Amino acid sequence: MVQILWLVRDKVLGFLKNERAQDTFEYILIIGGISVAVILAVVAVTPSLLSSVLTGVCDAISGIKGMENVSC
């Protein structure tokens, strides 16, 4: 069991020291930035979409048993 833990630890530390870890982190940041930009563009182009989504979420919360008294 201890050998497995040491093996996992060595693999994780080896990955973090590798250049691939930095590349992976950069890709995650790029994908996150693009996602935020797309969401902001959709909200900017169709502001009624945001109110529709909020209305749908409030209706869904109100439909849950025991959550009838929650107001949005």
PDB file of N, CA and C in Angstrom:
ATOM      1  N   MET A   1       0.824  -1.196   0.000  1.00  0.00           N
ATOM      2  CA  MET A   1       0.000   0.000   0.000  1.00  0.00           C
ATOM      3  C   MET A   1       0.865   1.256   0.000  1.00  0.00           C
ATOM      4  N   VAL A   2       1.898   1.238   0.822  1.00  0.00           N
ATOM      5  CA  VAL A   2       2.781   2.394   0.902  1.00  0.00           C
ATOM      6  C   VAL A   2       3.503   2.594  -0.425  1.00  0.00           C
ATOM      7  N   GLN A   3       3.864   1.508  -1.080  1.00  0.00           N
ATOM      8  CA  GLN A   3       4.548   1.620  -2.369  1.00  0.00           C
ATOM      9  C   GLN A   3       3.648   2.275  -3.414  1.00  0.00           C
ATOM     10  N   ILE A   4       2.364   1.972  -3.367  1.00  0.00           N
ATOM     11  CA  ILE A   4       1.421   2.578  -4.312  1.00  0.00           C
ATOM     12  C   ILE A   4       1.334   4.082  -4.063  1.00  0.00           C
ATOM     13  N   LEU A   5       1.278   4.477  -2.790  1.00  0.00           N
ATOM     14  CA  LEU A   5       1.218   5.895  -2.462  1.00  0.00           C
ATOM     15  C   LEU A   5       2.481   6.622  -2.920  1.00  0.00           C
ATOM     16  N   TRP A   6       3.647   6.010  -2.737  1.00  0.00           N
ATOM     17  CA  TRP A   6       4.894   6.621  -3.197  1.00  0.00           C
ATOM     18  C   TRP A   6       4.921   6.725  -4.718  1.00  0.00           C
ATOM     19  N   LEU A   7       4.398   5.699  -5.392  1.00  0.00           N
ATOM     20  CA  LEU A   7       4.360   5.717  -6.852  1.00  0.00           C
ATOM     21  C   LEU A   7       3.460   6.852  -7.355  1.00  0.00           C
ATOM     22  N   VAL A   8       2.293   6.999  -6.751  1.00  0.00           N
ATOM     23  CA  VAL A   8       1.371   8.067  -7.140  1.00  0.00           C
ATOM     24  C   VAL A   8       2.002   9.426  -6.859  1.00  0.00           C
ATOM     25  N   ARG A   9       2.631   9.558  -5.708  1.00  0.00           N
ATOM     26  CA  ARG A   9       3.289  10.815  -5.351  1.00  0.00           C
ATOM     27  C   ARG A   9       4.390  11.157  -6.362  1.00  0.00           C
ATOM     28  N   ASP A  10       5.198  10.179  -6.715  1.00  0.00           N
ATOM     29  CA  ASP A  10       6.273  10.418  -7.685  1.00  0.00           C
ATOM     30  C   ASP A  10       5.724  10.803  -9.055  1.00  0.00           C
ATOM     31  N   LYS A  11       4.631  10.165  -9.461  1.00  0.00           N
ATOM     32  CA  LYS A  11       4.028  10.491 -10.762  1.00  0.00           C
ATOM     33  C   LYS A  11       3.479  11.918 -10.763  1.00  0.00           C
ATOM     34  N   VAL A  12       2.800  12.302  -9.685  1.00  0.00           N
ATOM     35  CA  VAL A  12       2.227  13.652  -9.605  1.00  0.00           C
ATOM     36  C   VAL A  12       3.343  14.696  -9.574  1.00  0.00           C
ATOM     37  N   LEU A  13       4.361  14.463  -8.770  1.00  0.00           N
ATOM     38  CA  LEU A  13       5.467  15.417  -8.699  1.00  0.00           C
ATOM     39  C   LEU A  13       6.221  15.481 -10.021  1.00  0.00           C
ATOM     40  N   GLY A  14       6.370  14.355 -10.673  1.00  0.00           N
ATOM     41  CA  GLY A  14       7.027  14.344 -11.972  1.00  0.00           C
ATOM     42  C   GLY A  14       6.229  15.100 -13.011  1.00  0.00           C
ATOM     43  N   PHE A  15       4.907  14.965 -12.969  1.00  0.00           N
ATOM     44  CA  PHE A  15       4.057  15.688 -13.912  1.00  0.00           C
ATOM     45  C   PHE A  15       4.130  17.185 -13.670  1.00  0.00           C
ATOM     46  N   LEU A  16       4.145  17.586 -12.387  1.00  0.00           N
ATOM     47  CA  LEU A  16       4.173  19.010 -12.067  1.00  0.00           C
ATOM     48  C   LEU A  16       5.498  19.659 -12.477  1.00  0.00           C
ATOM     49  N   LYS A  17       6.572  18.909 -12.457  1.00  0.00           N
ATOM     50  CA  LYS A  17       7.866  19.439 -12.861  1.00  0.00           C
ATOM     51  C   LYS A  17       8.022  19.445 -14.374  1.00  0.00           C
ATOM     52  N   ASN A  18       7.170  18.708 -15.039  1.00  0.00           N
ATOM     53  CA  ASN A  18       7.249  18.575 -16.488  1.00  0.00           C
ATOM     54  C   ASN A  18       6.637  19.805 -17.155  1.00  0.00           C
ATOM     55  N   GLU A  19       7.051  20.071 -18.356  1.00  0.00           N
ATOM     56  CA  GLU A  19       6.521  21.205 -19.112  1.00  0.00           C
ATOM     57  C   GLU A  19       5.065  20.971 -19.529  1.00  0.00           C
ATOM     58  N   ARG A  20       4.650  19.721 -19.587  1.00  0.00           N
ATOM     59  CA  ARG A  20       3.262  19.421 -19.965  1.00  0.00           C
ATOM     60  C   ARG A  20       2.269  19.979 -18.955  1.00  0.00           C
ATOM     61  N   ALA A  21       2.647  20.027 -17.690  1.00  0.00           N
ATOM     62  CA  ALA A  21       1.745  20.574 -16.669  1.00  0.00           C
ATOM     63  C   ALA A  21       1.480  22.051 -16.924  1.00  0.00           C
ATOM     64  N   GLN A  22       2.525  22.770 -17.277  1.00  0.00           N
ATOM     65  CA  GLN A  22       2.357  24.193 -17.574  1.00  0.00           C
ATOM     66  C   GLN A  22       1.494  24.381 -18.818  1.00  0.00           C
ATOM     67  N   ASP A  23       1.718  23.564 -19.830  1.00  0.00           N
ATOM     68  CA  ASP A  23       0.907  23.645 -21.046  1.00  0.00           C
ATOM     69  C   ASP A  23      -0.558  23.341 -20.744  1.00  0.00           C
ATOM     70  N   THR A  24      -0.805  22.330 -19.928  1.00  0.00           N
ATOM     71  CA  THR A  24      -2.175  21.976 -19.566  1.00  0.00           C
ATOM     72  C   THR A  24      -2.860  23.125 -18.837  1.00  0.00           C
ATOM     73  N   PHE A  25      -2.143  23.734 -17.896  1.00  0.00           N
ATOM     74  CA  PHE A  25      -2.705  24.861 -17.157  1.00  0.00           C
ATOM     75  C   PHE A  25      -3.011  26.030 -18.087  1.00  0.00           C
ATOM     76  N   GLU A  26      -2.132  26.287 -19.040  1.00  0.00           N
ATOM     77  CA  GLU A  26      -2.373  27.364 -19.991  1.00  0.00           C
ATOM     78  C   GLU A  26      -3.594  27.075 -20.859  1.00  0.00           C
ATOM     79  N   TYR A  27      -3.748  25.836 -21.292  1.00  0.00           N
ATOM     80  CA  TYR A  27      -4.929  25.472 -22.086  1.00  0.00           C
ATOM     81  C   TYR A  27      -6.206  25.642 -21.280  1.00  0.00           C
ATOM     82  N   ILE A  28      -6.168  25.281 -20.004  1.00  0.00           N
ATOM     83  CA  ILE A  28      -7.349  25.442 -19.147  1.00  0.00           C
ATOM     84  C   ILE A  28      -7.702  26.923 -19.018  1.00  0.00           C
ATOM     85  N   LEU A  29      -6.687  27.777 -18.851  1.00  0.00           N
ATOM     86  CA  LEU A  29      -6.939  29.216 -18.778  1.00  0.00           C
ATOM     87  C   LEU A  29      -7.523  29.750 -20.078  1.00  0.00           C
ATOM     88  N   ILE A  30      -7.008  29.302 -21.202  1.00  0.00           N
ATOM     89  CA  ILE A  30      -7.520  29.755 -22.498  1.00  0.00           C
ATOM     90  C   ILE A  30      -8.970  29.323 -22.686  1.00  0.00           C
ATOM     91  N   ILE A  31      -9.270  28.065 -22.377  1.00  0.00           N
ATOM     92  CA  ILE A  31     -10.638  27.564 -22.527  1.00  0.00           C
ATOM     93  C   ILE A  31     -11.585  28.331 -21.600  1.00  0.00           C
ATOM     94  N   GLY A  32     -11.153  28.621 -20.379  1.00  0.00           N
ATOM     95  CA  GLY A  32     -11.974  29.394 -19.451  1.00  0.00           C
ATOM     96  C   GLY A  32     -12.232  30.804 -19.953  1.00  0.00           C
ATOM     97  N   GLY A  33     -11.203  31.434 -20.490  1.00  0.00           N
ATOM     98  CA  GLY A  33     -11.365  32.786 -21.029  1.00  0.00           C
ATOM     99  C   GLY A  33     -12.313  32.829 -22.208  1.00  0.00           C
ATOM    100  N   ILE A  34     -12.191  31.845 -23.088  1.00  0.00           N
ATOM    101  CA  ILE A  34     -13.086  31.775 -24.250  1.00  0.00           C
ATOM    102  C   ILE A  34     -14.519  31.534 -23.793  1.00  0.00           C
ATOM    103  N   SER A  35     -14.695  30.671 -22.798  1.00  0.00           N
ATOM    104  CA  SER A  35     -16.043  30.391 -22.288  1.00  0.00           C
ATOM    105  C   SER A  35     -16.689  31.647 -21.710  1.00  0.00           C
ATOM    106  N   VAL A  36     -15.928  32.403 -20.942  1.00  0.00           N
ATOM    107  CA  VAL A  36     -16.460  33.643 -20.361  1.00  0.00           C
ATOM    108  C   VAL A  36     -16.806  34.634 -21.466  1.00  0.00           C
ATOM    109  N   ALA A  37     -15.951  34.742 -22.478  1.00  0.00           N
ATOM    110  CA  ALA A  37     -16.215  35.670 -23.579  1.00  0.00           C
ATOM    111  C   ALA A  37     -17.488  35.287 -24.331  1.00  0.00           C
ATOM    112  N   VAL A  38     -17.694  34.001 -24.560  1.00  0.00           N
ATOM    113  CA  VAL A  38     -18.893  33.547 -25.265  1.00  0.00           C
ATOM    114  C   VAL A  38     -20.141  33.838 -24.441  1.00  0.00           C
ATOM    115  N   ILE A  39     -20.086  33.576 -23.147  1.00  0.00           N
ATOM    116  CA  ILE A  39     -21.244  33.840 -22.287  1.00  0.00           C
ATOM    117  C   ILE A  39     -21.557  35.335 -22.261  1.00  0.00           C
ATOM    118  N   LEU A  40     -20.528  36.174 -22.137  1.00  0.00           N
ATOM    119  CA  LEU A  40     -20.756  37.623 -22.144  1.00  0.00           C
ATOM    120  C   LEU A  40     -21.314  38.102 -23.472  1.00  0.00           C
ATOM    121  N   ALA A  41     -20.859  37.523 -24.572  1.00  0.00           N
ATOM    122  CA  ALA A  41     -21.366  37.910 -25.891  1.00  0.00           C
ATOM    123  C   ALA A  41     -22.836  37.530 -26.031  1.00  0.00           C
ATOM    124  N   VAL A  42     -23.201  36.355 -25.574  1.00  0.00           N
ATOM    125  CA  VAL A  42     -24.602  35.922 -25.676  1.00  0.00           C
ATOM    126  C   VAL A  42     -25.495  36.818 -24.832  1.00  0.00           C
ATOM    127  N   VAL A  43     -25.045  37.161 -23.637  1.00  0.00           N
ATOM    128  CA  VAL A  43     -25.843  38.029 -22.762  1.00  0.00           C
ATOM    129  C   VAL A  43     -25.935  39.441 -23.346  1.00  0.00           C
ATOM    130  N   ALA A  44     -24.854  39.926 -23.956  1.00  0.00           N
ATOM    131  CA  ALA A  44     -24.862  41.271 -24.528  1.00  0.00           C
ATOM    132  C   ALA A  44     -25.769  41.357 -25.751  1.00  0.00           C
ATOM    133  N   VAL A  45     -25.797  40.296 -26.550  1.00  0.00           N
ATOM    134  CA  VAL A  45     -26.599  40.316 -27.781  1.00  0.00           C
ATOM    135  C   VAL A  45     -28.076  40.124 -27.474  1.00  0.00           C
ATOM    136  N   THR A  46     -28.388  39.224 -26.563  1.00  0.00           N
ATOM    137  CA  THR A  46     -29.792  38.933 -26.244  1.00  0.00           C
ATOM    138  C   THR A  46     -30.014  39.068 -24.742  1.00  0.00           C
ATOM    139  N   PRO A  47     -30.243  40.296 -24.246  1.00  0.00           N
ATOM    140  CA  PRO A  47     -30.453  40.476 -22.805  1.00  0.00           C
ATOM    141  C   PRO A  47     -31.717  39.782 -22.302  1.00  0.00           C
ATOM    142  N   SER A  48     -32.684  39.564 -23.180  1.00  0.00           N
ATOM    143  CA  SER A  48     -33.902  38.879 -22.736  1.00  0.00           C
ATOM    144  C   SER A  48     -33.620  37.420 -22.402  1.00  0.00           C
ATOM    145  N   LEU A  49     -32.552  36.879 -22.965  1.00  0.00           N
ATOM    146  CA  LEU A  49     -32.179  35.494 -22.674  1.00  0.00           C
ATOM    147  C   LEU A  49     -31.824  35.341 -21.201  1.00  0.00           C
ATOM    148  N   LEU A  50     -31.127  36.321 -20.655  1.00  0.00           N
ATOM    149  CA  LEU A  50     -30.741  36.265 -19.245  1.00  0.00           C
ATOM    150  C   LEU A  50     -31.966  36.266 -18.343  1.00  0.00           C
ATOM    151  N   SER A  51     -32.934  37.116 -18.638  1.00  0.00           N
ATOM    152  CA  SER A  51     -34.139  37.144 -17.797  1.00  0.00           C
ATOM    153  C   SER A  51     -34.937  35.856 -17.959  1.00  0.00           C
ATOM    154  N   SER A  52     -34.942  35.279 -19.142  1.00  0.00           N
ATOM    155  CA  SER A  52     -35.636  34.010 -19.359  1.00  0.00           C
ATOM    156  C   SER A  52     -34.992  32.886 -18.564  1.00  0.00           C
ATOM    157  N   VAL A  53     -33.669  32.860 -18.549  1.00  0.00           N
ATOM    158  CA  VAL A  53     -32.963  31.827 -17.785  1.00  0.00           C
ATOM    159  C   VAL A  53     -33.233  31.996 -16.297  1.00  0.00           C
ATOM    160  N   LEU A  54     -33.181  33.236 -15.804  1.00  0.00           N
ATOM    161  CA  LEU A  54     -33.447  33.469 -14.385  1.00  0.00           C
ATOM    162  C   LEU A  54     -34.875  33.082 -14.014  1.00  0.00           C
ATOM    163  N   THR A  55     -35.823  33.383 -14.881  1.00  0.00           N
ATOM    164  CA  THR A  55     -37.207  32.995 -14.630  1.00  0.00           C
ATOM    165  C   THR A  55     -37.346  31.473 -14.587  1.00  0.00           C
ATOM    166  N   GLY A  56     -36.690  30.798 -15.513  1.00  0.00           N
ATOM    167  CA  GLY A  56     -36.736  29.331 -15.532  1.00  0.00           C
ATOM    168  C   GLY A  56     -36.114  28.719 -14.294  1.00  0.00           C
ATOM    169  N   VAL A  57     -35.005  29.287 -13.838  1.00  0.00           N
ATOM    170  CA  VAL A  57     -34.354  28.772 -12.628  1.00  0.00           C
ATOM    171  C   VAL A  57     -35.243  28.989 -11.419  1.00  0.00           C
ATOM    172  N   CYS A  58     -35.850  30.168 -11.315  1.00  0.00           N
ATOM    173  CA  CYS A  58     -36.753  30.436 -10.187  1.00  0.00           C
ATOM    174  C   CYS A  58     -37.960  29.497 -10.206  1.00  0.00           C
ATOM    175  N   ASP A  59     -38.513  29.258 -11.386  1.00  0.00           N
ATOM    176  CA  ASP A  59     -39.642  28.337 -11.497  1.00  0.00           C
ATOM    177  C   ASP A  59     -39.230  26.920 -11.108  1.00  0.00           C
ATOM    178  N   ALA A  60     -38.025  26.520 -11.505  1.00  0.00           N
ATOM    179  CA  ALA A  60     -37.551  25.174 -11.167  1.00  0.00           C
ATOM    180  C   ALA A  60     -37.340  25.039  -9.663  1.00  0.00           C
ATOM    181  N   ILE A  61     -36.796  26.080  -9.027  1.00  0.00           N
ATOM    182  CA  ILE A  61     -36.598  26.030  -7.577  1.00  0.00           C
ATOM    183  C   ILE A  61     -37.932  25.988  -6.865  1.00  0.00           C
ATOM    184  N   SER A  62     -38.897  26.760  -7.341  1.00  0.00           N
ATOM    185  CA  SER A  62     -40.230  26.767  -6.724  1.00  0.00           C
ATOM    186  C   SER A  62     -40.933  25.428  -6.886  1.00  0.00           C
ATOM    187  N   GLY A  63     -40.593  24.696  -7.933  1.00  0.00           N
ATOM    188  CA  GLY A  63     -41.234  23.406  -8.171  1.00  0.00           C
ATOM    189  C   GLY A  63     -40.693  22.281  -7.317  1.00  0.00           C
ATOM    190  N   ILE A  64     -39.578  22.509  -6.627  1.00  0.00           N
ATOM    191  CA  ILE A  64     -39.007  21.467  -5.768  1.00  0.00           C
ATOM    192  C   ILE A  64     -39.810  21.400  -4.477  1.00  0.00           C
ATOM    193  N   LYS A  65     -40.148  20.186  -4.091  1.00  0.00           N
ATOM    194  CA  LYS A  65     -40.941  19.992  -2.893  1.00  0.00           C
ATOM    195  C   LYS A  65     -40.182  20.513  -1.675  1.00  0.00           C
ATOM    196  N   GLY A  66     -40.807  21.361  -0.906  1.00  0.00           N
ATOM    197  CA  GLY A  66     -40.194  21.940   0.276  1.00  0.00           C
ATOM    198  C   GLY A  66     -39.543  23.282   0.002  1.00  0.00           C
ATOM    199  N   MET A  67     -39.509  23.697  -1.256  1.00  0.00           N
ATOM    200  CA  MET A  67     -38.863  24.971  -1.597  1.00  0.00           C
ATOM    201  C   MET A  67     -39.899  25.984  -2.110  1.00  0.00           C
ATOM    202  N   GLU A  68     -41.160  25.778  -1.806  1.00  0.00           N
ATOM    203  CA  GLU A  68     -42.213  26.645  -2.316  1.00  0.00           C
ATOM    204  C   GLU A  68     -42.100  28.071  -1.775  1.00  0.00           C
ATOM    205  N   ASN A  69     -41.532  28.218  -0.588  1.00  0.00           N
ATOM    206  CA  ASN A  69     -41.470  29.538   0.060  1.00  0.00           C
ATOM    207  C   ASN A  69     -40.251  30.350  -0.366  1.00  0.00           C
ATOM    208  N   VAL A  70     -39.396  29.803  -1.189  1.00  0.00           N
ATOM    209  CA  VAL A  70     -38.204  30.513  -1.629  1.00  0.00           C
ATOM    210  C   VAL A  70     -38.593  31.496  -2.700  1.00  0.00           C
ATOM    211  N   SER A  71     -38.151  32.738  -2.552  1.00  0.00           N
ATOM    212  CA  SER A  71     -38.461  33.749  -3.574  1.00  0.00           C
ATOM    213  C   SER A  71     -37.160  34.194  -4.228  1.00  0.00           C
ATOM    214  N   CYS A  72     -37.239  34.450  -5.508  1.00  0.00           N
ATOM    215  CA  CYS A  72     -36.047  34.883  -6.264  1.00  0.00           C
ATOM    216  C   CYS A  72     -35.995  36.381  -6.359  1.00  0.00           C
TER     217      CYS A  72
END
